[in-house]
Amino acid sequence: MSASKATAIKKTTVPVTGLHCASCVGRVEEVLRKTDGVEEANVNLALETTRIVYDSAKVDLVGIKGVVKNAGYDLIVPEETAENE
């Protein structure tokens, strides 16, 4: 892996709202994993969080939030995180 590729990969855990059951978890994980630039997505129903590993050269958290919103859920992205991308 090149140095620029390594620095483009980011990992974050952010809250997600609107989850009610395991089907919700599966839906959010599915739409995230189909998103170009998202390497991994793991949703925790009990904690209402999602851990995302993504390539910031291809997608940012604002774009990821939009994908989740279109699926009917809301990703809570801290303002300072979104602005630093």
Protein backbone atom coordinates (compact mmCIF):
# COMPACT_ATOMS: atom_id res chain seq x y z
CA MET A 1 0.00 0.00 0.00
CA SER A 2 1.38 3.37 -0.95
CA ALA A 3 1.81 6.15 1.58
CA SER A 4 -0.87 8.29 -0.07
CA LYS A 5 -3.32 5.37 -0.05
CA ALA A 6 -2.63 4.71 3.63
CA THR A 7 -3.27 8.33 4.57
CA ALA A 8 -6.52 8.40 2.58
CA ILE A 9 -8.00 5.54 4.64
CA LYS A 10 -9.90 6.81 7.67
CA LYS A 11 -11.70 5.02 10.49
CA THR A 12 -14.49 6.56 12.52
CA THR A 13 -17.32 5.55 14.82
CA VAL A 14 -20.37 7.79 14.76
CA PRO A 15 -23.91 7.61 16.14
CA VAL A 16 -26.74 6.50 13.86
CA THR A 17 -30.39 7.10 14.70
CA GLY A 18 -33.60 5.45 13.57
CA LEU A 19 -32.49 1.86 14.21
CA HIS A 20 -35.20 -0.41 15.61
CA CYS A 21 -34.16 -3.97 14.80
CA ALA A 22 -31.63 -6.26 13.16
CA SER A 23 -33.18 -5.55 9.75
CA CYS A 24 -32.38 -1.86 10.21
CA VAL A 25 -28.78 -2.75 11.03
CA GLY A 26 -28.55 -4.92 7.91
CA ARG A 27 -30.00 -2.20 5.71
CA VAL A 28 -27.58 0.47 6.94
CA GLU A 29 -24.59 -1.87 6.59
CA GLU A 30 -25.71 -2.87 3.10
CA VAL A 31 -26.07 0.68 1.76
CA LEU A 32 -22.77 1.70 3.32
CA ARG A 33 -20.88 -1.29 1.90
CA LYS A 34 -22.25 -0.54 -1.57
CA THR A 35 -20.97 3.04 -1.34
CA ASP A 36 -17.86 3.67 -3.42
CA GLY A 37 -14.97 4.36 -1.06
CA VAL A 38 -16.42 2.57 1.97
CA GLU A 39 -14.14 -0.33 2.88
CA GLU A 40 -15.97 -1.58 6.01
CA ALA A 41 -19.18 -0.78 7.84
CA ASN A 42 -20.30 -2.31 11.13
CA VAL A 43 -23.43 -1.14 12.92
CA ASN A 44 -24.03 -1.77 16.63
CA LEU A 45 -27.77 -1.77 17.38
CA ALA A 46 -27.38 -1.65 21.17
CA LEU A 47 -25.05 1.36 21.09
CA GLU A 48 -26.68 2.92 18.01
CA THR A 49 -23.28 3.51 16.41
CA THR A 50 -21.62 2.60 13.18
CA ARG A 51 -17.91 2.03 12.62
CA ILE A 52 -16.86 3.01 9.14
CA VAL A 53 -13.54 2.51 7.36
CA TYR A 54 -13.44 4.61 4.22
CA ASP A 55 -11.17 6.10 1.57
CA SER A 56 -11.38 9.86 2.05
CA ALA A 57 -10.03 10.37 -1.46
CA LYS A 58 -13.28 8.82 -2.79
CA VAL A 59 -15.94 9.77 -0.22
CA ASP A 60 -16.28 11.99 2.84
CA LEU A 61 -18.49 11.74 5.92
CA VAL A 62 -20.99 14.21 4.48
CA GLY A 63 -21.44 11.94 1.46
CA ILE A 64 -21.71 8.87 3.69
CA LYS A 65 -24.30 10.69 5.81
CA GLY A 66 -26.35 11.36 2.65
CA VAL A 67 -26.34 7.68 1.72
CA VAL A 68 -27.56 6.71 5.19
CA LYS A 69 -30.21 9.48 5.10
CA ASN A 70 -31.52 8.17 1.76
CA ALA A 71 -31.96 4.76 3.42
CA GLY A 72 -34.17 6.33 6.10
CA TYR A 73 -31.70 6.71 8.96
CA ASP A 74 -29.53 9.53 10.25
CA LEU A 75 -25.79 9.52 10.79
CA ILE A 76 -24.71 12.08 13.39
CA VAL A 77 -21.50 13.61 12.03
CA PRO A 78 -19.82 16.16 14.33
CA GLU A 79 -19.50 19.53 12.58
CA GLU A 80 -15.75 19.78 13.13
CA THR A 81 -15.25 16.33 11.57
CA ALA A 82 -17.26 17.23 8.47
CA GLU A 83 -15.42 20.55 8.10
CA ASN A 84 -11.97 18.92 8.32
CA GLU A 85 -12.59 16.62 5.37
